[in-house]
Structures are given as C-alpha cells and as structure tokens.
Protein backbone atom coordinates (compact mmCIF):
# COMPACT_ATOMS: atom_id res chain seq x y z
CA MET A 1 -23.51 34.00 -77.49
CA SER A 2 -21.14 35.51 -75.23
CA LEU A 3 -22.07 37.92 -72.59
CA LEU A 4 -20.28 41.15 -73.68
CA ASN A 5 -20.87 40.40 -77.28
CA HIS A 6 -24.45 40.10 -76.59
CA LEU A 7 -24.49 43.43 -74.46
CA PHE A 8 -22.00 45.62 -76.40
CA GLY A 9 -21.38 43.76 -79.72
CA SER A 10 -22.66 45.03 -83.14
CA LYS A 11 -26.52 45.08 -83.58
CA LYS A 12 -26.25 44.82 -87.22
CA SER A 13 -25.64 40.96 -87.21
CA THR A 14 -28.40 38.45 -86.53
CA VAL A 15 -29.27 38.96 -82.69
CA LYS A 16 -29.06 35.58 -80.86
CA GLU A 17 -30.77 34.94 -77.54
CA LEU A 18 -28.34 34.94 -74.62
CA VAL A 19 -28.94 31.62 -72.66
CA MET A 20 -27.13 32.49 -69.44
CA ASP A 21 -28.82 33.06 -65.89
CA ASP A 22 -27.77 35.89 -63.73
CA ASN A 23 -25.55 33.62 -61.28
CA LYS A 24 -23.76 32.73 -64.40
CA ARG A 25 -23.32 36.18 -65.78
CA MET A 26 -22.12 37.50 -62.50
CA ALA A 27 -19.69 34.56 -61.99
CA LEU A 28 -18.04 35.25 -65.38
CA TRP A 29 -17.56 38.95 -64.68
CA ASN A 30 -16.04 38.51 -61.22
CA LYS A 31 -13.83 35.84 -62.35
CA HIS A 32 -12.66 38.06 -65.16
CA ILE A 33 -11.86 41.04 -62.74
CA ALA A 34 -10.01 38.47 -60.31
CA ASN A 35 -7.97 37.10 -63.43
CA SER A 36 -6.86 40.56 -64.59
CA LYS A 37 -3.90 40.74 -61.88
CA LEU A 38 -2.65 37.49 -63.17
CA ARG A 39 -2.80 38.62 -66.83
CA GLU A 40 -0.91 41.91 -65.84
CA ASN A 41 1.91 39.69 -64.40
CA LEU A 42 2.05 37.38 -67.40
CA SER A 43 2.44 40.14 -69.62
CA LYS A 44 5.69 41.28 -67.92
CA HIS A 45 7.18 38.34 -69.97
CA PHE A 46 7.24 40.73 -72.84
CA ASN A 47 7.69 44.15 -71.41
CA PHE A 48 9.98 46.64 -72.55
CA LYS A 49 12.97 45.09 -70.75
CA ASN A 50 12.29 41.52 -71.64
CA VAL A 51 10.66 42.01 -75.13
CA ASP A 52 13.84 41.01 -76.90
CA ASN A 53 14.35 37.79 -75.16
CA ALA A 54 10.66 36.94 -75.56
CA LEU A 55 10.99 37.24 -79.38
CA GLN A 56 14.19 34.95 -79.30
CA ASP A 57 12.43 32.59 -77.35
CA PHE A 58 9.03 32.39 -79.01
CA LYS A 59 8.34 29.00 -78.11
CA ALA A 60 8.06 30.15 -74.21
CA THR A 61 6.28 33.36 -75.38
CA ASP A 62 3.52 31.60 -77.34
CA LYS A 63 2.72 29.57 -74.15
CA ILE A 64 2.21 32.81 -72.30
CA LEU A 65 0.13 34.09 -75.02
CA ARG A 66 -1.96 30.96 -74.98
CA GLU A 67 -2.48 31.45 -71.29
CA LEU A 68 -3.51 35.09 -71.57
CA GLU A 69 -6.12 34.10 -74.30
CA SER A 70 -7.34 31.28 -72.06
CA LEU A 71 -7.81 33.82 -69.16
CA ILE A 72 -10.65 35.71 -71.32
CA SER A 73 -13.48 33.12 -71.13
CA PRO A 74 -15.12 32.88 -74.54
CA GLU A 75 -18.38 32.91 -72.58
CA LEU A 76 -17.65 36.51 -71.80
CA ILE A 77 -16.13 37.47 -75.14
CA ASN A 78 -15.75 35.45 -78.15
CA ILE A 79 -14.21 36.40 -81.76
CA ALA A 80 -14.46 32.96 -83.13
CA ASN A 81 -16.78 34.26 -85.92
CA GLU A 82 -15.20 37.42 -86.48
CA GLU A 83 -12.52 37.16 -89.28
CA LYS A 84 -10.21 40.19 -89.70
CA THR A 85 -7.21 41.03 -92.07
CA ASP A 86 -4.03 42.01 -90.44
CA GLU A 87 -4.59 45.57 -91.68
CA GLU A 88 -8.13 45.76 -89.92
CA ILE A 89 -6.66 44.29 -86.61
CA LEU A 90 -3.90 47.04 -86.69
CA ALA A 91 -6.50 49.72 -87.64
CA ASP A 92 -8.51 48.71 -84.67
CA LEU A 93 -5.64 49.02 -82.36
CA GLU A 94 -5.24 52.68 -83.54
CA GLN A 95 -9.00 53.36 -82.72
CA LEU A 96 -8.67 52.40 -79.02
CA LYS A 97 -8.53 55.16 -76.31
CA SER A 98 -5.23 55.99 -74.93
CA THR A 99 -4.46 55.21 -71.12
CA ASN A 100 -5.05 59.01 -70.21
CA GLU A 101 -8.21 58.89 -71.81
CA LEU A 102 -9.49 55.68 -70.19
CA GLU A 103 -7.99 57.07 -66.81
CA LYS A 104 -10.09 60.32 -67.29
CA LEU A 105 -13.13 58.13 -68.07
CA SER A 106 -12.47 56.13 -64.97
CA LYS A 107 -12.21 59.22 -62.70
CA THR A 108 -15.41 60.72 -64.31
CA ILE A 109 -17.36 57.79 -62.94
CA LEU A 110 -16.19 58.73 -59.46
CA SER A 111 -17.02 62.40 -59.76
CA VAL A 112 -20.42 62.31 -61.33
CA LYS A 113 -23.63 61.48 -59.60
CA GLN A 114 -25.34 59.84 -62.56
CA LYS A 115 -23.07 57.04 -63.28
CA GLN A 116 -24.99 54.65 -65.59
CA SER A 117 -24.14 56.20 -68.84
CA THR A 118 -20.52 56.66 -68.04
CA LEU A 119 -20.30 53.05 -66.82
CA LEU A 120 -21.81 51.94 -70.16
CA LYS A 121 -19.01 53.80 -71.93
CA LEU A 122 -16.50 52.08 -69.67
CA PHE A 123 -18.02 48.59 -70.65
CA HIS A 124 -17.96 49.39 -74.16
CA GLU A 125 -14.16 50.22 -73.94
CA ILE A 126 -13.55 47.03 -71.99
CA PHE A 127 -15.26 45.07 -74.96
CA ASN A 128 -13.29 46.82 -77.48
CA VAL A 129 -9.99 46.39 -75.74
CA LEU A 130 -10.61 42.83 -74.94
CA LYS A 131 -11.72 42.08 -78.49
CA ALA A 132 -8.52 43.81 -80.15
CA GLU A 133 -6.31 41.95 -77.66
CA LEU A 134 -7.61 38.59 -78.81
CA HIS A 135 -7.05 39.44 -82.32
CA LEU A 136 -3.70 40.87 -81.46
CA ILE A 137 -2.57 37.62 -79.84
CA HIS A 138 -3.65 35.64 -82.79
CA LEU A 139 -1.79 38.21 -85.17
CA ILE A 140 1.52 37.85 -82.82
CA ARG A 141 1.45 34.25 -83.00
CA LYS A 142 1.26 34.11 -86.87
CA LYS A 143 3.71 37.16 -87.19
CA PRO A 144 5.88 37.63 -84.19
CA SER A 145 6.96 41.31 -83.88
CA LYS A 146 8.48 43.38 -81.02
CA ALA A 147 6.26 46.32 -81.88
CA LEU A 148 3.12 44.20 -81.53
CA LEU A 149 4.11 42.54 -78.38
CA LEU A 150 4.85 45.86 -76.68
CA LYS A 151 1.53 46.95 -77.73
CA LEU A 152 -0.16 43.87 -76.26
CA PHE A 153 1.88 44.60 -73.08
CA GLU A 154 0.67 48.21 -73.03
CA LEU A 155 -3.14 47.17 -73.27
CA ILE A 156 -2.84 44.49 -70.52
CA PHE A 157 -0.50 46.39 -68.17
CA ARG A 158 -1.37 49.89 -68.55
CA SER A 159 -4.76 50.31 -70.26
CA GLU A 160 -6.76 47.43 -68.49
CA PRO A 161 -5.92 48.45 -64.80
CA GLU A 162 -7.81 51.99 -65.73
CA LEU A 163 -10.50 50.03 -67.11
CA TYR A 164 -11.09 47.92 -63.98
CA ARG A 165 -10.14 50.53 -61.49
CA VAL A 166 -13.50 51.31 -60.24
CA PHE A 167 -14.50 47.85 -59.86
CA ARG A 168 -11.81 47.16 -57.30
CA GLU A 169 -12.78 48.19 -53.74
CA GLN A 170 -9.20 48.97 -52.72
CA SER A 171 -9.10 51.70 -55.19
CA PHE A 172 -11.30 53.81 -53.16
CA PHE A 173 -10.31 55.78 -50.13
CA GLY A 174 -11.79 55.52 -46.82
CA GLU A 175 -15.19 57.40 -46.71
CA ASN A 176 -15.72 56.88 -50.38
CA LYS A 177 -16.30 53.16 -50.15
CA HIS A 178 -20.12 53.78 -50.59
CA ILE A 179 -19.16 55.11 -54.09
CA HIS A 180 -17.60 51.62 -54.94
CA THR A 181 -20.82 50.16 -53.61
CA SER A 182 -23.01 52.30 -55.89
CA ILE A 183 -20.82 51.49 -59.00
CA MET A 184 -20.98 47.82 -58.35
CA LYS A 185 -24.71 48.04 -57.81
CA ILE A 186 -25.33 49.67 -61.32
CA ALA A 187 -22.67 47.64 -62.92
CA ARG A 188 -24.54 44.53 -61.71
CA ALA A 189 -27.78 46.00 -63.35
CA ILE A 190 -26.05 46.53 -66.70
CA LEU A 191 -24.67 43.06 -66.75
CA LEU A 192 -28.05 41.48 -65.85
CA GLU A 193 -29.90 43.95 -68.38
CA GLU A 194 -32.03 45.09 -65.37
CA GLU A 195 -33.56 48.62 -65.01
CA VAL A 196 -30.92 51.01 -63.39
CA LYS A 197 -32.34 53.09 -60.46
CA GLU A 198 -30.01 55.89 -59.15
CA GLU A 199 -30.59 57.90 -56.01
CA LEU A 200 -31.33 61.48 -56.42
CA GLU A 201 -28.69 64.05 -55.37
CA SER A 202 -29.25 65.96 -52.20
CA ASP A 203 -28.22 69.81 -52.02
CA GLU A 204 -25.31 69.10 -49.69
CA GLU A 205 -23.88 66.35 -52.23
CA LYS A 206 -24.46 68.67 -55.18
CA PHE A 207 -22.59 71.26 -53.27
CA VAL A 208 -19.62 69.09 -52.26
CA ARG A 209 -19.43 67.77 -55.82
CA GLU A 210 -19.12 71.41 -57.40
CA ILE A 211 -16.53 72.36 -54.95
CA ALA A 212 -14.66 69.24 -55.57
CA GLN A 213 -14.94 69.71 -59.37
CA GLN A 214 -13.42 73.24 -58.82
CA MET A 215 -10.72 71.77 -57.03
CA HIS A 216 -9.43 70.12 -60.35
CA PRO A 217 -5.89 71.43 -61.58
CA ASP A 218 -7.52 72.95 -64.71
CA GLU A 219 -9.54 75.16 -62.28
CA SER A 220 -6.25 77.07 -61.13
CA ARG A 221 -7.88 80.31 -61.25
CA ARG A 222 -11.05 79.11 -59.20
CA ARG A 223 -10.96 79.91 -55.31
CA TYR A 224 -11.72 76.48 -54.40
CA ARG A 225 -8.60 75.16 -56.33
CA LYS A 226 -6.51 77.54 -54.49
CA LEU A 227 -8.10 76.62 -51.24
CA GLY A 228 -7.51 72.94 -51.95
CA GLU A 229 -3.87 73.42 -52.80
CA ASP A 230 -3.56 75.37 -49.40
CA ILE A 231 -5.14 72.66 -47.56
CA PHE A 232 -2.82 69.99 -49.12
CA LEU A 233 0.04 72.14 -48.39
CA THR A 234 -0.71 72.34 -44.77
CA LEU A 235 -1.30 68.75 -44.57
CA THR A 236 2.12 68.21 -46.07
CA GLU A 237 3.71 70.64 -43.66
CA MET A 238 2.15 68.69 -40.71
CA ALA A 239 3.45 65.19 -42.11
CA ASP A 240 6.83 66.70 -42.56
CA GLU A 241 7.06 67.85 -39.05
CA SER A 242 6.03 64.58 -37.74
CA LEU A 243 8.53 62.38 -39.84
CA PRO A 244 12.21 61.97 -39.64
CA LYS A 245 14.23 63.81 -42.07
CA GLY A 246 14.80 61.54 -45.29
CA GLU A 247 11.80 59.48 -44.59
CA ASP A 248 10.33 57.72 -47.62
CA ILE A 249 7.68 59.57 -49.60
CA THR A 250 5.43 56.53 -49.26
CA GLU A 251 5.42 56.93 -45.50
CA ARG A 252 4.71 60.69 -45.95
CA MET A 253 1.61 60.10 -48.17
CA LYS A 254 0.23 57.53 -45.42
CA LEU A 255 0.56 60.13 -42.87
CA ILE A 256 -1.21 62.61 -44.80
CA ASN A 257 -4.03 60.22 -45.56
CA ARG A 258 -4.19 59.47 -41.72
CA ILE A 259 -4.43 63.10 -40.81
CA MET A 260 -6.97 63.73 -43.48
CA LYS A 261 -9.45 61.38 -42.01
CA LYS A 262 -9.41 63.21 -38.82
CA ASP A 263 -12.40 65.79 -38.65
CA GLU A 264 -11.14 67.77 -35.98
CA ILE A 265 -7.77 68.47 -37.56
CA MET A 266 -9.34 69.22 -40.86
CA TYR A 267 -11.87 71.61 -39.22
CA LYS A 268 -9.06 73.69 -37.69
CA ILE A 269 -7.15 73.77 -41.05
CA VAL A 270 -10.16 75.13 -42.90
CA LYS A 271 -11.22 77.48 -40.35
CA LYS A 272 -7.70 78.87 -40.13
CA LEU A 273 -7.47 79.29 -43.92
CA ARG A 274 -11.09 80.59 -44.31
CA PRO A 275 -12.18 82.26 -41.01
CA LYS A 276 -15.56 83.60 -42.32
CA TYR A 277 -16.80 80.36 -43.39
CA ASP A 278 -19.60 78.76 -41.22
CA GLU A 279 -19.84 75.28 -40.06
CA THR A 280 -21.90 74.02 -43.16
CA LYS A 281 -19.42 75.27 -45.58
CA ILE A 282 -16.39 74.01 -43.70
CA LYS A 283 -18.15 70.65 -43.49
CA ALA A 284 -18.62 70.72 -47.20
CA VAL A 285 -14.94 71.94 -48.01
CA ILE A 286 -13.67 69.09 -45.84
CA LEU A 287 -15.75 66.54 -47.83
CA ALA A 288 -15.10 68.26 -51.29
CA PHE A 289 -11.24 68.13 -50.44
CA ARG A 290 -11.32 64.36 -49.56
CA LYS A 291 -13.26 63.63 -52.75
CA ALA A 292 -10.80 65.91 -54.89
CA TYR A 293 -7.99 64.21 -53.16
CA ASN A 294 -9.19 60.62 -54.10
CA LEU A 295 -9.70 61.70 -57.44
CA GLY A 296 -6.07 62.64 -57.86
CA HIS A 297 -6.57 66.16 -58.22
CA PHE A 298 -3.35 67.19 -56.29
CA ASP A 299 -1.16 64.27 -57.66
CA GLU A 300 0.99 66.69 -59.54
CA LEU A 301 1.61 68.94 -56.51
CA ASP A 302 5.13 68.53 -55.10
CA PHE A 303 5.73 70.44 -52.11
C-alpha cells in the first residue's frame, strides 16, 4: 500500500498494513517535494501560451504526461486499483479547492500556534490533488482536450506551489525560520504516525499573534491594521528616498526587507507613530508587523 493512501485514503476499503520504515517514508516525501519544481517546469509545455501546439503535437505531449506521472511515485500515492468513469474524474476536479483557498490554508498554518490540525487538512488536499492529477493524466491521454490540459497545468503550476509552500524553507522570512522548523517537525510526525507534541504558547507569543491577526486587510477598522499600514508606508518612503528614481520595484522590496530587519530603525518608527507605547508593546508590535508582512497582509498596498 502507498504512503498517502494509507494515511489519508478511504477507510471504508480493507485496511492493509503499510510495510514501510521511517527512512523510506521520509525519503519518498522529500523526493516528491524536490521533484515538484521539475513538474512545474514540465507543465509549461501545455500552459495557456503553448496548449494549442501541445494538442497539435500530442505525441510530444504524451511523453511529457508520462514523465509527469512518473514523478509521482506509486509508493507515495497509487490509483491502480481505483477505477473511475470520465464523469467521476471531472466531478472530482470540481470538488478540489481553488488556488486562493489553498493559499489561505497555507497562510493559516503560518499564523496559528497549534498547527497539527491545519497541516492534516493540507496533507488531505495534497492527497486529493495528486490523485485527481493522476486520473486526469489518464483521461487526457485517452481523450486529448485543451480544457483538460489547461486544468492539469493549473493544478501543477498554480495549486501545487501553494500546497508545498510551507514545506520549503525559502518561503520563510528571516526570523520566521523557526516556524518552518516547527512545521517540518509536525509534518514528520504525521508522516511517521507518531504522537505530535506542540509547544505551549507564551503570553508574549499570544499577544504578538493577536496583533498580527489584527493587521490583516479584512481588519481595516482595527487600530493595529491602521498602525501596520502606517509602518509599511514609512518603510516604503524610506526605501524610495534611498533608491534612484525609476528603480525596479524588486529592489524596492529588497530594501524594505533589509530595513525591516533592523530593530533600532523599527523601534524609532513605532515610537514615532505611537509615542505612548512602552518598551514591551513596541517590541510586540515590531514582531507582529514582521509576522503580518511575512503572511502577505500588506501585499495589496501600493504606495
């Protein structure tokens, strides 16, 4: 039996014992994460720009489809004994969460202290998406279709990156690297079917988390959202003053990131904006702002 089928598949069928040691489980999972970037690149063969050519030369496309299928190890997930009609495959695709929903789920894992339940939901979505992709590849090879190819591209190139974001260390901003370590520890326990022990949240961590949550765009009427916007505006103005006019926006954001990591500068910004805040509250606001920024709470701002 395959690892993800064993962990997240239907319990209605006869449960078979999974004969797979811990090292094998983790090797399968780590290889799958490593292969995900290759699968994204392969899917570009039938993206919106190339899909018509992909249909015209379906022999080459079929080769790509087989390679994509081979990069999902049958020891990780297997649909060999799962027969589905074309209609059932299409219905399953309709039931999958949207990219936006997956992004929200991914960001929820970053923002909550107790991560096990949310990570379990994420693993279930990974299982559902991969299973749907394998069935979809079979359907496309049987009945080539522009709409189906584009759906497969969307799943691999749009949805999967959101599913795997929290497992990639490079997704984490500076001081939040410890969050990635915590996520990987819990993910490992889930994959190995071990008891998950999560650290209790300190009063300071709880305070920081609550402030960060109130900096979310949906909290526009909350005082910490307004403070977060003011801090971001100040950082943007500082970056603009230091960069030559017309500088690429990428350089602007890199400079904002560098400024944001400097405690002394951040302290002065918060103190100027909120003169009555004491040392403890200023420190909490700085940590909360960095956390909210890392969660993308200010992405829609365009100062």
